[in-house]
Protein backbone atom coordinates (compact mmCIF):
# COMPACT_ATOMS: atom_id res chain seq x y z
CA PRO A 1 -2.67 -51.29 47.58
CA PRO A 2 -6.31 -51.88 46.60
CA GLU A 3 -6.73 -52.99 42.83
CA PRO A 4 -8.83 -50.13 40.94
CA ALA A 5 -12.03 -51.15 40.82
CA GLU A 6 -13.20 -51.99 37.08
CA PRO A 7 -15.14 -49.37 34.96
CA ALA A 8 -18.68 -50.38 35.46
CA GLU A 9 -19.48 -51.95 32.03
CA PRO A 10 -23.13 -50.13 29.97
CA ALA A 11 -26.27 -51.78 30.58
CA ALA A 12 -26.93 -54.34 28.08
CA LEU A 13 -29.58 -53.61 25.36
CA PRO A 14 -31.82 -56.35 24.75
CA SER A 15 -30.98 -58.30 21.97
CA GLY A 16 -31.89 -56.48 18.56
CA SER A 17 -32.86 -52.86 19.83
CA ALA A 18 -30.35 -50.23 18.77
CA PRO A 19 -29.68 -47.19 21.53
CA GLU A 20 -31.84 -44.20 21.61
CA ALA A 21 -30.66 -41.03 19.17
CA PRO A 22 -31.07 -37.83 20.22
CA PRO A 23 -34.52 -36.05 19.20
CA VAL A 24 -33.94 -34.29 16.07
CA PRO A 25 -34.82 -31.04 15.58
CA PRO A 26 -38.01 -29.80 13.26
CA ALA A 27 -36.67 -28.60 9.55
CA LEU A 28 -36.95 -25.34 8.72
CA PRO A 29 -38.76 -24.42 6.16
CA ALA A 30 -35.93 -24.09 2.73
CA ALA A 31 -35.87 -20.35 2.87
CA GLU A 32 -34.88 -19.93 6.43
CA ALA A 33 -32.43 -23.00 6.20
CA LYS A 34 -30.56 -21.07 3.80
CA GLN A 35 -30.37 -17.91 5.78
CA ALA A 36 -29.35 -19.37 9.46
CA ASP A 37 -26.77 -21.32 7.20
CA GLU A 38 -25.68 -18.70 4.61
CA PRO A 39 -24.77 -15.20 5.25
CA GLU A 40 -26.67 -13.40 3.22
CA GLN A 41 -24.92 -13.04 -0.58
CA ARG A 42 -25.64 -10.30 -3.27
CA ARG A 43 -26.41 -11.87 -6.67
CA ALA A 44 -23.53 -9.53 -8.82
CA VAL A 45 -25.91 -7.84 -11.57
CA PRO A 46 -24.32 -8.38 -14.99
CA GLN A 47 -22.57 -5.38 -16.44
CA ALA A 48 -23.19 -4.43 -19.78
CA MET A 49 -20.53 -5.23 -22.73
CA SER A 50 -19.95 -1.81 -23.50
CA GLU A 51 -19.64 -0.64 -19.79
CA PHE A 52 -17.24 -3.92 -19.56
CA LEU A 53 -15.05 -2.79 -22.80
CA ALA A 54 -14.92 0.84 -21.29
CA GLN A 55 -13.67 -0.15 -18.36
CA ARG A 56 -11.02 -2.23 -19.94
CA VAL A 57 -9.95 0.25 -22.64
CA LEU A 58 -10.29 3.13 -19.27
CA GLY A 59 -8.19 1.14 -17.55
CA ARG A 60 -5.09 0.83 -20.25
CA CYS A 61 -5.39 3.91 -21.97
CA ASN A 62 -5.20 7.34 -21.07
CA SER A 63 -6.39 9.23 -24.45
CA VAL A 64 -8.27 8.60 -27.20
CA GLU A 65 -5.21 8.22 -29.52
CA SER A 66 -4.06 5.42 -27.21
CA ALA A 67 -6.83 3.58 -27.18
CA GLU A 68 -7.55 3.72 -30.98
CA LYS A 69 -5.56 0.34 -31.96
CA PHE A 70 -7.45 -1.37 -28.79
CA PHE A 71 -10.93 -0.31 -30.54
CA VAL A 72 -9.97 -1.21 -34.36
CA TRP A 73 -8.67 -4.69 -32.81
CA LEU A 74 -12.92 -4.47 -30.76
CA ARG A 75 -14.15 -3.68 -33.80
CA GLU A 76 -12.44 -6.78 -36.16
CA GLN A 77 -13.39 -9.43 -33.12
CA ALA A 78 -16.94 -8.21 -33.20
CA GLN A 79 -17.46 -8.38 -37.02
CA ALA A 80 -16.06 -12.16 -36.87
CA GLY A 81 -18.29 -13.12 -34.26
CA GLU A 82 -15.50 -13.61 -31.60
CA HIS A 83 -16.47 -13.33 -27.90
CA ILE A 84 -14.19 -11.43 -25.69
CA ARG A 85 -13.51 -12.64 -22.09
CA GLY A 86 -16.12 -15.25 -22.73
CA ARG A 87 -18.60 -12.72 -23.35
CA PRO A 88 -20.38 -12.05 -27.24
CA CYS A 89 -19.78 -8.62 -28.31
CA THR A 90 -21.31 -6.74 -30.69
CA LEU A 91 -20.17 -3.85 -33.24
CA GLU A 92 -22.45 -1.61 -30.97
CA ASP A 93 -20.98 -2.74 -27.83
CA VAL A 94 -17.75 -1.63 -29.24
CA ALA A 95 -19.42 1.79 -30.56
CA LEU A 96 -21.21 2.62 -27.13
CA ALA A 97 -17.80 1.53 -25.28
CA GLU A 98 -15.89 4.20 -27.50
CA GLN A 99 -18.41 6.77 -26.94
CA ARG A 100 -18.05 6.47 -23.36
CA CYS A 101 -14.55 6.36 -22.95
CA LYS A 102 -14.28 9.80 -25.05
CA GLU A 103 -17.17 11.10 -23.12
CA GLU A 104 -14.65 10.56 -20.18
CA TRP A 105 -11.42 12.13 -21.81
CA ALA A 106 -12.86 14.77 -22.92
């Protein structure tokens, strides 16, 4: 049987030259490039601390009475300048959260 022909060798490049690179498409402006690469993402608007606290209390308690211990603790934390869940908290935040919860339970 005849021997298979040897594969043809690629054309030799002149010494010192590199293979030609494919053409590069023109760069998009930064804003267009971002839109092309990433789906549109909406930034979360930071929630007010009082609303954050109210949502936490409403999720854990079902009456003013059951939330009282929680609000006492929150007031102590706010007076001491402590952060709650990594966020600064004031007495005003606690008062607004308590008012919001009372309105919800009314």
